[in-house]
Protein backbone atom coordinates (compact mmCIF):
# COMPACT_ATOMS: atom_id res chain seq x y z
CA MET A 1 0.10 -0.07 -0.06
CA ALA A 2 1.28 3.54 -0.88
CA SER A 3 1.69 6.16 1.49
CA GLN A 4 -0.61 8.81 1.86
CA GLY A 5 1.62 12.06 1.92
CA VAL A 6 2.82 11.36 5.37
CA ASN A 7 6.71 10.92 5.71
CA VAL A 8 7.13 7.78 7.97
CA SER A 9 11.01 7.18 7.54
CA ARG A 10 12.63 5.63 10.37
CA HIS A 11 15.70 7.84 9.74
CA PRO A 12 16.20 10.77 11.41
CA PRO A 13 16.06 14.30 9.35
CA LYS A 14 19.64 15.54 8.20
CA GLY A 15 21.01 18.71 9.68
CA PRO A 16 20.71 20.52 12.81
CA THR A 17 17.42 19.48 14.93
CA ARG A 18 15.76 22.29 16.57
CA SER A 19 14.59 21.86 20.09
CA PRO A 20 11.29 23.53 21.01
CA PRO A 21 12.16 26.88 23.01
CA GLN A 22 12.21 26.76 26.61
CA ILE A 23 9.74 28.97 28.41
CA ALA A 24 10.46 30.17 32.00
CA LYS A 25 7.69 29.77 34.41
CA SER A 26 7.80 33.33 35.45
CA ASP A 27 6.47 33.87 31.80
CA VAL A 28 3.21 31.79 31.95
CA ASN A 29 0.07 33.46 33.20
CA HIS A 30 -1.75 31.46 35.82
CA PRO A 31 -5.36 31.16 34.52
CA SER A 32 -6.42 33.27 37.83
CA GLN A 33 -4.04 36.17 36.83
CA LEU A 34 -5.81 36.06 33.66
CA GLN A 35 -9.35 36.40 34.89
CA VAL A 36 -8.30 39.16 37.25
CA LEU A 37 -6.59 40.98 34.33
CA ARG A 38 -9.92 40.44 32.34
CA TYR A 39 -12.01 42.01 35.06
CA SER A 40 -9.97 44.49 35.58
CA ALA A 41 -10.25 45.63 32.12
CA LEU A 42 -14.03 44.79 32.30
CA VAL A 43 -14.28 47.32 35.35
CA ALA A 44 -11.85 49.98 33.59
CA GLY A 45 -13.85 50.14 30.44
CA LEU A 46 -17.28 50.48 32.47
CA VAL A 47 -16.10 53.34 34.75
CA TYR A 48 -14.75 54.96 31.51
CA GLY A 49 -18.17 54.37 30.02
CA VAL A 50 -20.17 55.83 32.80
CA TYR A 51 -17.93 58.93 33.03
CA HIS A 52 -17.98 59.26 29.10
CA GLN A 53 -21.79 59.45 29.26
CA SER A 54 -21.91 61.88 32.33
CA SER A 55 -19.96 64.26 30.58
CA ILE A 56 -22.01 63.92 27.41
CA ASN A 57 -25.21 64.24 29.48
CA SER A 58 -23.92 67.63 31.27
CA GLN A 59 -22.79 68.99 27.69
CA ALA A 60 -26.42 68.27 26.30
CA LYS A 61 -28.08 69.66 29.34
CA ARG A 62 -25.70 72.99 29.22
CA ALA A 63 -26.55 73.46 25.41
CA GLU A 64 -30.47 73.24 26.27
CA ILE A 65 -30.04 75.53 28.97
CA GLU A 66 -28.18 77.88 26.61
CA HIS A 67 -30.92 77.57 23.93
CA GLU A 68 -33.82 78.05 26.30
CA TYR A 69 -32.01 81.37 27.62
CA THR A 70 -31.68 82.62 23.97
CA ARG A 71 -35.05 81.70 23.54
CA LYS A 72 -36.14 84.03 26.08
CA GLU A 73 -33.88 86.55 25.22
CA ARG A 74 -35.60 86.56 21.99
CA LEU A 75 -39.04 86.71 23.36
CA ILE A 76 -38.31 89.77 26.07
CA GLU A 77 -36.62 91.82 22.85
CA GLN A 78 -39.89 90.81 20.92
CA ALA A 79 -41.98 92.24 23.79
CA LYS A 80 -39.85 95.27 24.18
CA ALA A 81 -40.31 96.11 20.20
CA GLU A 82 -43.96 95.51 20.52
CA TRP A 83 -44.56 97.89 23.43
CA LYS A 84 -42.20 100.52 21.82
CA LYS A 85 -44.61 100.04 18.86
CA LYS A 86 -47.87 100.24 20.90
CA THR A 87 -46.58 103.45 22.63
CA GLN A 88 -44.74 105.27 19.91
CA PRO A 89 -47.23 106.07 17.25
CA GLN A 90 -49.05 108.38 19.52
CA GLU A 91 -46.07 110.27 20.45
CA ALA A 92 -44.58 110.06 16.48
CA GLN A 93 -47.64 111.38 15.33
CA THR A 94 -47.65 114.41 17.29
CA GLN A 95 -44.09 114.99 16.74
CA VAL A 96 -44.36 114.72 12.88
CA SER A 97 -47.57 116.57 12.21
CA GLY A 98 -47.94 118.72 15.18
CA LEU A 99 -51.49 117.27 15.87
CA ILE A 100 -52.18 115.97 19.00
CA THR A 101 -54.46 112.76 18.73
CA ASP A 102 -55.44 111.98 22.21
CA PRO A 103 -58.50 112.94 23.40
CA GLU A 104 -57.68 113.18 26.97
CA ASN A 105 -54.85 115.33 26.53
CA PRO A 106 -55.89 119.05 27.44
CA LYS A 107 -54.76 120.58 24.24
CA PHE A 108 -56.53 118.29 22.08
CA ASP A 109 -58.33 120.27 19.04
CA LEU A 110 -61.15 118.16 17.87
CA GLU A 111 -61.64 120.55 14.86
CA ALA A 112 -58.07 120.14 13.52
CA PHE A 113 -58.12 116.27 14.17
CA LEU A 114 -61.47 116.19 12.03
CA GLN A 115 -59.83 118.13 9.30
CA ALA A 116 -56.52 116.05 9.34
CA LYS A 117 -58.62 112.58 9.08
CA ALA A 118 -60.73 114.46 6.36
CA ALA A 119 -57.66 115.20 4.56
CA ALA A 120 -56.31 111.57 4.76
CA ASN A 121 -59.30 109.85 3.56
CA PRO A 122 -60.92 111.68 0.57
């Protein structure tokens, strides 16, 4: 029967022989040391993950607070502009035309007011 590709000679190989490398006992990790290393890495990863997530959450919270603050500032500025618009036209009309349009004002002239309205709406 022919061999199936396995060299089964009874003669030792020619040339120098290699012996397996010698490993010192101090280089070998004991299974318990390996487990300690694995769990230490796991715990370190969990601690880092918690720290990183808390920093992300605090940044998001700060951004939300800043956004709310700018929204309130914008609303305040809008309210101030509306207040000025509401109170300014009466004073502006008095300054531009010299005509007092406030009937509560003691210098209000009804005849001049009616003539100005008639001229504005033909």
